[in-house]
Structure formats: C-alpha cells, structure tokens
Full PDB file with SEQRES, HELIX, SHEET, SSBOND, CRYST1, ORIGX, SCALE, CONECT and MASTER records, all heavy atoms in Angstrom:
SEQRES   1 A   34  GLY MET CYS SER ARG GLU LEU LYS PRO GLU GLU ALA ALA          
SEQRES   2 A   34  GLN PHE ASN GLN VAL VAL ILE ALA ARG ASP GLY VAL ALA          
SEQRES   3 A   34  VAL ILE VAL HIS PRO ALA ASN PRO                              
HELIX    1 AA1 PRO A    9  ALA A   12  1                                   4    
CRYST1    1.000    1.000    1.000  90.00  90.00  90.00 P 1           1          
ORIGX1      1.000000  0.000000  0.000000        0.00000                         
ORIGX2      0.000000  1.000000  0.000000        0.00000                         
ORIGX3      0.000000  0.000000  1.000000        0.00000                         
SCALE1      1.000000  0.000000  0.000000        0.00000                         
SCALE2      0.000000  1.000000  0.000000        0.00000                         
SCALE3      0.000000  0.000000  1.000000        0.00000                         
ATOM      1  N   GLY A   1     -30.941  29.053 -99.613  1.00  0.00           N  
ATOM      2  CA  GLY A   1     -30.415  28.349-100.768  1.00  0.00           C  
ATOM      3  C   GLY A   1     -29.482  29.220-101.528  1.00  0.00           C  
ATOM      4  O   GLY A   1     -29.642  30.481-101.555  1.00  0.00           O  
ATOM      5  N   MET A   2     -28.449  28.720-102.019  1.00  0.00           N  
ATOM      6  CA  MET A   2     -27.442  29.484-102.930  1.00  0.00           C  
ATOM      7  C   MET A   2     -27.704  29.163-104.394  1.00  0.00           C  
ATOM      8  O   MET A   2     -27.807  28.061-104.717  1.00  0.00           O  
ATOM      9  CB  MET A   2     -25.966  29.088-102.484  1.00  0.00           C  
ATOM     10  CG  MET A   2     -25.655  29.219-101.077  1.00  0.00           C  
ATOM     11  SD  MET A   2     -23.906  28.802-100.753  1.00  0.00           S  
ATOM     12  CE  MET A   2     -24.021  26.966-100.891  1.00  0.00           C  
ATOM     13  N   CYS A   3     -27.757  30.226-105.201  1.00  0.00           N  
ATOM     14  CA  CYS A   3     -27.964  30.085-106.633  1.00  0.00           C  
ATOM     15  C   CYS A   3     -27.039  31.048-107.363  1.00  0.00           C  
ATOM     16  O   CYS A   3     -26.960  32.146-106.951  1.00  0.00           O  
ATOM     17  CB  CYS A   3     -29.438  30.398-106.884  1.00  0.00           C  
ATOM     18  SG  CYS A   3     -30.013  30.149-108.660  1.00  0.00           S  
ATOM     19  N   SER A   4     -26.451  30.454-108.481  1.00  0.00           N  
ATOM     20  CA  SER A   4     -25.487  31.266-109.186  1.00  0.00           C  
ATOM     21  C   SER A   4     -26.116  31.658-110.642  1.00  0.00           C  
ATOM     22  O   SER A   4     -25.298  31.591-111.604  1.00  0.00           O  
ATOM     23  CB  SER A   4     -24.196  30.568-109.346  1.00  0.00           C  
ATOM     24  OG  SER A   4     -24.328  29.271-109.857  1.00  0.00           O  
ATOM     25  N   ARG A   5     -27.317  32.031-110.651  1.00  0.00           N  
ATOM     26  CA  ARG A   5     -27.914  32.453-111.926  1.00  0.00           C  
ATOM     27  C   ARG A   5     -29.095  33.239-111.654  1.00  0.00           C  
ATOM     28  O   ARG A   5     -29.584  33.220-110.478  1.00  0.00           O  
ATOM     29  CB  ARG A   5     -28.339  31.348-112.809  1.00  0.00           C  
ATOM     30  CG  ARG A   5     -29.286  30.290-112.152  1.00  0.00           C  
ATOM     31  CD  ARG A   5     -29.984  29.371-113.146  1.00  0.00           C  
ATOM     32  NE  ARG A   5     -30.839  28.358-112.511  1.00  0.00           N  
ATOM     33  CZ  ARG A   5     -32.006  28.551-112.163  1.00  0.00           C  
ATOM     34  NH1 ARG A   5     -32.617  29.785-112.315  1.00  0.00           N  
ATOM     35  NH2 ARG A   5     -32.851  27.562-111.607  1.00  0.00           N  
ATOM     36  N   GLU A   6     -29.602  33.932-112.659  1.00  0.00           N  
ATOM     37  CA  GLU A   6     -30.933  34.645-112.455  1.00  0.00           C  
ATOM     38  C   GLU A   6     -32.063  33.589-112.182  1.00  0.00           C  
ATOM     39  O   GLU A   6     -32.090  32.540-112.816  1.00  0.00           O  
ATOM     40  CB  GLU A   6     -31.348  35.409-113.642  1.00  0.00           C  
ATOM     41  CG  GLU A   6     -30.338  36.566-113.973  1.00  0.00           C  
ATOM     42  CD  GLU A   6     -30.539  37.883-113.241  1.00  0.00           C  
ATOM     43  OE1 GLU A   6     -31.515  37.818-112.435  1.00  0.00           O  
ATOM     44  OE2 GLU A   6     -29.872  38.871-113.414  1.00  0.00           O  
ATOM     45  N   LEU A   7     -33.000  33.921-111.322  1.00  0.00           N  
ATOM     46  CA  LEU A   7     -34.110  33.039-111.128  1.00  0.00           C  
ATOM     47  C   LEU A   7     -35.128  33.282-112.346  1.00  0.00           C  
ATOM     48  O   LEU A   7     -35.252  34.342-112.904  1.00  0.00           O  
ATOM     49  CB  LEU A   7     -34.902  33.385-109.869  1.00  0.00           C  
ATOM     50  CG  LEU A   7     -34.138  33.155-108.562  1.00  0.00           C  
ATOM     51  CD1 LEU A   7     -35.175  33.442-107.309  1.00  0.00           C  
ATOM     52  CD2 LEU A   7     -33.648  31.764-108.382  1.00  0.00           C  
ATOM     53  N   LYS A   8     -35.734  32.155-112.752  1.00  0.00           N  
ATOM     54  CA  LYS A   8     -36.807  32.225-113.775  1.00  0.00           C  
ATOM     55  C   LYS A   8     -38.009  32.846-113.017  1.00  0.00           C  
ATOM     56  O   LYS A   8     -38.165  32.853-111.840  1.00  0.00           O  
ATOM     57  CB  LYS A   8     -37.112  30.774-114.151  1.00  0.00           C  
ATOM     58  CG  LYS A   8     -35.962  30.079-114.897  1.00  0.00           C  
ATOM     59  CD  LYS A   8     -36.247  28.657-115.122  1.00  0.00           C  
ATOM     60  CE  LYS A   8     -34.940  27.931-115.518  1.00  0.00           C  
ATOM     61  NZ  LYS A   8     -35.097  26.469-115.726  1.00  0.00           N  
ATOM     62  N   PRO A   9     -38.929  33.506-113.928  1.00  0.00           N  
ATOM     63  CA  PRO A   9     -40.012  34.210-113.247  1.00  0.00           C  
ATOM     64  C   PRO A   9     -40.890  33.328-112.331  1.00  0.00           C  
ATOM     65  O   PRO A   9     -41.261  33.756-111.290  1.00  0.00           O  
ATOM     66  CB  PRO A   9     -40.857  34.600-114.501  1.00  0.00           C  
ATOM     67  CG  PRO A   9     -39.888  34.712-115.641  1.00  0.00           C  
ATOM     68  CD  PRO A   9     -38.843  33.729-115.325  1.00  0.00           C  
ATOM     69  N   GLU A  10     -41.122  32.058-112.698  1.00  0.00           N  
ATOM     70  CA  GLU A  10     -41.944  31.238-111.912  1.00  0.00           C  
ATOM     71  C   GLU A  10     -41.112  30.815-110.603  1.00  0.00           C  
ATOM     72  O   GLU A  10     -41.812  30.640-109.488  1.00  0.00           O  
ATOM     73  CB  GLU A  10     -42.249  29.934-112.627  1.00  0.00           C  
ATOM     74  CG  GLU A  10     -41.129  29.028-113.056  1.00  0.00           C  
ATOM     75  CD  GLU A  10     -40.597  29.337-114.504  1.00  0.00           C  
ATOM     76  OE1 GLU A  10     -40.812  30.496-114.913  1.00  0.00           O  
ATOM     77  OE2 GLU A  10     -40.012  28.443-115.104  1.00  0.00           O  
ATOM     78  N   GLU A  11     -39.844  30.850-110.642  1.00  0.00           N  
ATOM     79  CA  GLU A  11     -39.055  30.567-109.374  1.00  0.00           C  
ATOM     80  C   GLU A  11     -39.050  31.819-108.503  1.00  0.00           C  
ATOM     81  O   GLU A  11     -39.226  31.674-107.247  1.00  0.00           O  
ATOM     82  CB  GLU A  11     -37.567  30.211-109.803  1.00  0.00           C  
ATOM     83  CG  GLU A  11     -37.483  28.908-110.471  1.00  0.00           C  
ATOM     84  CD  GLU A  11     -36.069  28.629-111.095  1.00  0.00           C  
ATOM     85  OE1 GLU A  11     -35.366  29.599-111.223  1.00  0.00           O  
ATOM     86  OE2 GLU A  11     -35.792  27.483-111.444  1.00  0.00           O  
ATOM     87  N   ALA A  12     -38.834  32.942-109.179  1.00  0.00           N  
ATOM     88  CA  ALA A  12     -38.864  34.198-108.373  1.00  0.00           C  
ATOM     89  C   ALA A  12     -40.150  34.339-107.533  1.00  0.00           C  
ATOM     90  O   ALA A  12     -40.086  34.970-106.440  1.00  0.00           O  
ATOM     91  CB  ALA A  12     -38.623  35.425-109.296  1.00  0.00           C  
ATOM     92  N   ALA A  13     -41.225  33.891-108.080  1.00  0.00           N  
ATOM     93  CA  ALA A  13     -42.523  33.995-107.317  1.00  0.00           C  
ATOM     94  C   ALA A  13     -42.579  33.111-106.096  1.00  0.00           C  
ATOM     95  O   ALA A  13     -43.382  33.351-105.157  1.00  0.00           O  
ATOM     96  CB  ALA A  13     -43.681  33.571-108.241  1.00  0.00           C  
ATOM     97  N   GLN A  14     -41.660  32.164-106.037  1.00  0.00           N  
ATOM     98  CA  GLN A  14     -41.646  31.257-104.845  1.00  0.00           C  
ATOM     99  C   GLN A  14     -40.680  31.552-103.737  1.00  0.00           C  
ATOM    100  O   GLN A  14     -40.735  30.988-102.634  1.00  0.00           O  
ATOM    101  CB  GLN A  14     -41.224  29.852-105.437  1.00  0.00           C  
ATOM    102  CG  GLN A  14     -42.325  29.206-106.317  1.00  0.00           C  
ATOM    103  CD  GLN A  14     -41.894  27.851-106.652  1.00  0.00           C  
ATOM    104  OE1 GLN A  14     -40.879  27.580-107.303  1.00  0.00           O  
ATOM    105  NE2 GLN A  14     -42.773  26.834-106.338  1.00  0.00           N  
ATOM    106  N   PHE A  15     -39.704  32.600-104.043  1.00  0.00           N  
ATOM    107  CA  PHE A  15     -38.700  32.760-103.050  1.00  0.00           C  
ATOM    108  C   PHE A  15     -38.495  34.327-102.797  1.00  0.00           C  
ATOM    109  O   PHE A  15     -38.899  35.129-103.689  1.00  0.00           O  
ATOM    110  CB  PHE A  15     -37.350  32.362-103.655  1.00  0.00           C  
ATOM    111  CG  PHE A  15     -37.197  30.850-103.815  1.00  0.00           C  
ATOM    112  CD1 PHE A  15     -37.328  30.385-105.178  1.00  0.00           C  
ATOM    113  CD2 PHE A  15     -36.983  29.996-102.786  1.00  0.00           C  
ATOM    114  CE1 PHE A  15     -37.260  28.953-105.312  1.00  0.00           C  
ATOM    115  CE2 PHE A  15     -36.929  28.691-102.941  1.00  0.00           C  
ATOM    116  CZ  PHE A  15     -37.006  28.135-104.235  1.00  0.00           C  
ATOM    117  N   ASN A  16     -37.999  34.578-101.589  1.00  0.00           N  
ATOM    118  CA  ASN A  16     -37.385  35.871-101.352  1.00  0.00           C  
ATOM    119  C   ASN A  16     -35.850  35.734-101.883  1.00  0.00           C  
ATOM    120  O   ASN A  16     -35.280  34.715-101.605  1.00  0.00           O  
ATOM    121  CB  ASN A  16     -37.342  36.276 -99.896  1.00  0.00           C  
ATOM    122  CG  ASN A  16     -38.716  36.764 -99.459  1.00  0.00           C  
ATOM    123  OD1 ASN A  16     -39.693  36.693-100.165  1.00  0.00           O  
ATOM    124  ND2 ASN A  16     -38.736  37.163 -98.188  1.00  0.00           N  
ATOM    125  N   GLN A  17     -35.370  36.597-102.664  1.00  0.00           N  
ATOM    126  CA  GLN A  17     -34.026  36.548-103.015  1.00  0.00           C  
ATOM    127  C   GLN A  17     -33.273  37.922-102.798  1.00  0.00           C  
ATOM    128  O   GLN A  17     -33.761  39.043-102.765  1.00  0.00           O  
ATOM    129  CB  GLN A  17     -33.953  36.255-104.539  1.00  0.00           C  
ATOM    130  CG  GLN A  17     -34.660  37.441-105.423  1.00  0.00           C  
ATOM    131  CD  GLN A  17     -34.465  37.086-107.008  1.00  0.00           C  
ATOM    132  OE1 GLN A  17     -33.349  37.028-107.405  1.00  0.00           O  
ATOM    133  NE2 GLN A  17     -35.596  37.080-107.752  1.00  0.00           N  
ATOM    134  N   VAL A  18     -31.921  37.689-102.604  1.00  0.00           N  
ATOM    135  CA  VAL A  18     -31.061  38.909-102.403  1.00  0.00           C  
ATOM    136  C   VAL A  18     -29.764  38.561-103.121  1.00  0.00           C  
ATOM    137  O   VAL A  18     -29.287  37.471-103.047  1.00  0.00           O  
ATOM    138  CB  VAL A  18     -30.794  39.104-100.867  1.00  0.00           C  
ATOM    139  CG1 VAL A  18     -30.179  37.890-100.112  1.00  0.00           C  
ATOM    140  CG2 VAL A  18     -29.947  40.367-100.707  1.00  0.00           C  
ATOM    141  N   VAL A  19     -29.316  39.589-103.805  1.00  0.00           N  
ATOM    142  CA  VAL A  19     -27.976  39.357-104.598  1.00  0.00           C  
ATOM    143  C   VAL A  19     -26.874  39.648-103.474  1.00  0.00           C  
ATOM    144  O   VAL A  19     -26.808  40.718-102.893  1.00  0.00           O  
ATOM    145  CB  VAL A  19     -27.874  40.394-105.674  1.00  0.00           C  
ATOM    146  CG1 VAL A  19     -26.536  40.361-106.336  1.00  0.00           C  
ATOM    147  CG2 VAL A  19     -29.018  40.231-106.763  1.00  0.00           C  
ATOM    148  N   ILE A  20     -25.973  38.644-103.319  1.00  0.00           N  
ATOM    149  CA  ILE A  20     -24.899  38.832-102.458  1.00  0.00           C  
ATOM    150  C   ILE A  20     -23.596  39.266-103.154  1.00  0.00           C  
ATOM    151  O   ILE A  20     -22.647  39.767-102.492  1.00  0.00           O  
ATOM    152  CB  ILE A  20     -24.698  37.573-101.605  1.00  0.00           C  
ATOM    153  CG1 ILE A  20     -24.254  36.385-102.455  1.00  0.00           C  
ATOM    154  CG2 ILE A  20     -25.869  37.215-100.817  1.00  0.00           C  
ATOM    155  CD1 ILE A  20     -23.698  35.261-101.659  1.00  0.00           C  
ATOM    156  N   ALA A  21     -23.504  39.050-104.390  1.00  0.00           N  
ATOM    157  CA  ALA A  21     -22.337  39.339-105.206  1.00  0.00           C  
ATOM    158  C   ALA A  21     -22.596  39.221-106.668  1.00  0.00           C  
ATOM    159  O   ALA A  21     -23.613  38.634-107.057  1.00  0.00           O  
ATOM    160  CB  ALA A  21     -21.084  38.465-104.839  1.00  0.00           C  
ATOM    161  N   ARG A  22     -21.791  39.627-107.576  1.00  0.00           N  
ATOM    162  CA  ARG A  22     -21.918  39.338-109.005  1.00  0.00           C  
ATOM    163  C   ARG A  22     -20.608  38.752-109.449  1.00  0.00           C  
ATOM    164  O   ARG A  22     -19.491  38.931-108.910  1.00  0.00           O  
ATOM    165  CB  ARG A  22     -22.185  40.668-109.711  1.00  0.00           C  
ATOM    166  CG  ARG A  22     -23.556  41.266-109.328  1.00  0.00           C  
ATOM    167  CD  ARG A  22     -23.964  42.422-110.185  1.00  0.00           C  
ATOM    168  NE  ARG A  22     -25.183  42.913-109.655  1.00  0.00           N  
ATOM    169  CZ  ARG A  22     -26.451  42.577-109.920  1.00  0.00           C  
ATOM    170  NH1 ARG A  22     -26.579  41.484-110.718  1.00  0.00           N  
ATOM    171  NH2 ARG A  22     -27.531  43.081-109.346  1.00  0.00           N  
ATOM    172  N   ASP A  23     -20.753  37.982-110.621  1.00  0.00           N  
ATOM    173  CA  ASP A  23     -19.678  37.246-111.132  1.00  0.00           C  
ATOM    174  C   ASP A  23     -19.737  37.252-112.622  1.00  0.00           C  
ATOM    175  O   ASP A  23     -20.828  37.294-113.192  1.00  0.00           O  
ATOM    176  CB  ASP A  23     -19.677  35.811-110.539  1.00  0.00           C  
ATOM    177  CG  ASP A  23     -18.389  35.029-110.938  1.00  0.00           C  
ATOM    178  OD1 ASP A  23     -17.373  35.599-111.073  1.00  0.00           O  
ATOM    179  OD2 ASP A  23     -18.517  33.770-111.141  1.00  0.00           O  
ATOM    180  N   GLY A  24     -18.586  37.020-113.273  1.00  0.00           N  
ATOM    181  CA  GLY A  24     -18.590  36.680-114.716  1.00  0.00           C  
ATOM    182  C   GLY A  24     -18.537  35.183-114.938  1.00  0.00           C  
ATOM    183  O   GLY A  24     -18.067  34.439-114.077  1.00  0.00           O  
ATOM    184  N   VAL A  25     -18.888  34.709-116.148  1.00  0.00           N  
ATOM    185  CA  VAL A  25     -18.714  33.442-116.618  1.00  0.00           C  
ATOM    186  C   VAL A  25     -17.566  33.412-117.605  1.00  0.00           C  
ATOM    187  O   VAL A  25     -17.682  34.023-118.597  1.00  0.00           O  
ATOM    188  CB  VAL A  25     -19.967  32.834-117.265  1.00  0.00           C  
ATOM    189  CG1 VAL A  25     -19.670  31.360-117.751  1.00  0.00           C  
ATOM    190  CG2 VAL A  25     -21.135  32.755-116.300  1.00  0.00           C  
ATOM    191  N   ALA A  26     -16.425  32.855-117.197  1.00  0.00           N  
ATOM    192  CA  ALA A  26     -15.158  32.835-118.086  1.00  0.00           C  
ATOM    193  C   ALA A  26     -15.188  31.665-118.945  1.00  0.00           C  
ATOM    194  O   ALA A  26     -15.554  30.586-118.502  1.00  0.00           O  
ATOM    195  CB  ALA A  26     -13.979  32.921-117.173  1.00  0.00           C  
ATOM    196  N   VAL A  27     -14.786  31.805-120.274  1.00  0.00           N  
ATOM    197  CA  VAL A  27     -14.666  30.753-121.052  1.00  0.00           C  
ATOM    198  C   VAL A  27     -13.145  30.430-121.123  1.00  0.00           C  
ATOM    199  O   VAL A  27     -12.294  31.306-121.425  1.00  0.00           O  
ATOM    200  CB  VAL A  27     -15.091  31.147-122.539  1.00  0.00           C  
ATOM    201  CG1 VAL A  27     -14.806  30.008-123.500  1.00  0.00           C  
ATOM    202  CG2 VAL A  27     -16.569  31.437-122.607  1.00  0.00           C  
ATOM    203  N   ILE A  28     -12.734  29.246-120.839  1.00  0.00           N  
ATOM    204  CA  ILE A  28     -11.331  28.879-120.494  1.00  0.00           C  
ATOM    205  C   ILE A  28     -10.815  27.796-121.473  1.00  0.00           C  
ATOM    206  O   ILE A  28     -11.574  26.965-121.875  1.00  0.00           O  
ATOM    207  CB  ILE A  28     -11.100  28.532-119.046  1.00  0.00           C  
ATOM    208  CG1 ILE A  28     -11.849  27.151-118.744  1.00  0.00           C  
ATOM    209  CG2 ILE A  28     -11.559  29.588-118.067  1.00  0.00           C  
ATOM    210  CD1 ILE A  28     -11.515  26.542-117.429  1.00  0.00           C  
ATOM    211  N   VAL A  29      -9.479  27.900-121.681  1.00  0.00           N  
ATOM    212  CA  VAL A  29      -8.825  26.892-122.474  1.00  0.00           C  
ATOM    213  C   VAL A  29      -7.476  26.581-121.843  1.00  0.00           C  
ATOM    214  O   VAL A  29      -6.998  27.343-120.897  1.00  0.00           O  
ATOM    215  CB  VAL A  29      -8.575  27.418-123.965  1.00  0.00           C  
ATOM    216  CG1 VAL A  29      -9.872  27.683-124.699  1.00  0.00           C  
ATOM    217  CG2 VAL A  29      -7.690  28.673-123.981  1.00  0.00           C  
ATOM    218  N   HIS A  30      -6.647  25.643-122.385  1.00  0.00           N  
ATOM    219  CA  HIS A  30      -5.441  25.300-121.872  1.00  0.00           C  
ATOM    220  C   HIS A  30      -4.451  26.501-122.189  1.00  0.00           C  
ATOM    221  O   HIS A  30      -4.602  27.105-123.302  1.00  0.00           O  
ATOM    222  CB  HIS A  30      -4.944  24.064-122.590  1.00  0.00           C  
ATOM    223  CG  HIS A  30      -3.717  23.477-122.064  1.00  0.00           C  
ATOM    224  ND1 HIS A  30      -2.431  23.966-122.463  1.00  0.00           N  
ATOM    225  CD2 HIS A  30      -3.445  22.432-121.180  1.00  0.00           C  
ATOM    226  CE1 HIS A  30      -1.510  23.312-121.752  1.00  0.00           C  
ATOM    227  NE2 HIS A  30      -2.100  22.244-121.116  1.00  0.00           N  
ATOM    228  N   PRO A  31      -3.499  26.802-121.321  1.00  0.00           N  
ATOM    229  CA  PRO A  31      -2.579  27.913-121.505  1.00  0.00           C  
ATOM    230  C   PRO A  31      -1.901  27.857-122.812  1.00  0.00           C  
ATOM    231  O   PRO A  31      -1.476  28.830-123.401  1.00  0.00           O  
ATOM    232  CB  PRO A  31      -1.609  27.844-120.317  1.00  0.00           C  
ATOM    233  CG  PRO A  31      -2.383  27.132-119.262  1.00  0.00           C  
ATOM    234  CD  PRO A  31      -3.353  26.116-119.962  1.00  0.00           C  
ATOM    235  N   ALA A  32      -1.592  26.658-123.338  1.00  0.00           N  
ATOM    236  CA  ALA A  32      -0.841  26.466-124.536  1.00  0.00           C  
ATOM    237  C   ALA A  32      -1.646  26.688-125.862  1.00  0.00           C  
ATOM    238  O   ALA A  32      -1.078  26.815-126.954  1.00  0.00           O  
ATOM    239  CB  ALA A  32      -0.138  25.147-124.644  1.00  0.00           C  
ATOM    240  N   ASN A  33      -2.939  26.865-125.697  1.00  0.00           N  
ATOM    241  CA  ASN A  33      -3.856  27.052-126.884  1.00  0.00           C  
ATOM    242  C   ASN A  33      -3.529  28.401-127.397  1.00  0.00           C  
ATOM    243  O   ASN A  33      -3.574  29.436-126.614  1.00  0.00           O  
ATOM    244  CB  ASN A  33      -5.306  26.948-126.386  1.00  0.00           C  
ATOM    245  CG  ASN A  33      -6.288  26.874-127.534  1.00  0.00           C  
ATOM    246  OD1 ASN A  33      -6.058  27.544-128.572  1.00  0.00           O  
ATOM    247  ND2 ASN A  33      -7.286  26.043-127.421  1.00  0.00           N  
ATOM    248  N   PRO A  34      -3.284  28.530-128.762  1.00  0.00           N  
ATOM    249  CA  PRO A  34      -2.870  29.852-129.372  1.00  0.00           C  
ATOM    250  C   PRO A  34      -4.116  30.731-129.498  1.00  0.00           C  
ATOM    251  O   PRO A  34      -3.943  31.944-129.648  1.00  0.00           O  
ATOM    252  CB  PRO A  34      -2.375  29.497-130.694  1.00  0.00           C  
ATOM    253  CG  PRO A  34      -2.986  28.153-131.073  1.00  0.00           C  
ATOM    254  CD  PRO A  34      -3.122  27.490-129.679  1.00  0.00           C  
TER     255      PRO A  34                                                      
MASTER        0    0    0    1    0    0    0    6  254    1    0    3          
END                                                                             
C-alpha cells in the first residue's frame, strides 16, 4: 500500500512500514495573486 502521511498509532500496529521518500505540502495560489 502507498500512503502519503504518517500512520496513526492504531494503523502502525497493523502494518510493516518503510519510508521511501519525504515531501513537503505546498500551499498554492494563482500566479497573479499578489
């Protein structure tokens, strides 16, 4: 399974997990927004 967030504690207990990469969450607007 692919997941793009931290697992909750109860979820982590159900899975083996491995971090394959890290990413940021960008807040985006239209280019013309001042």
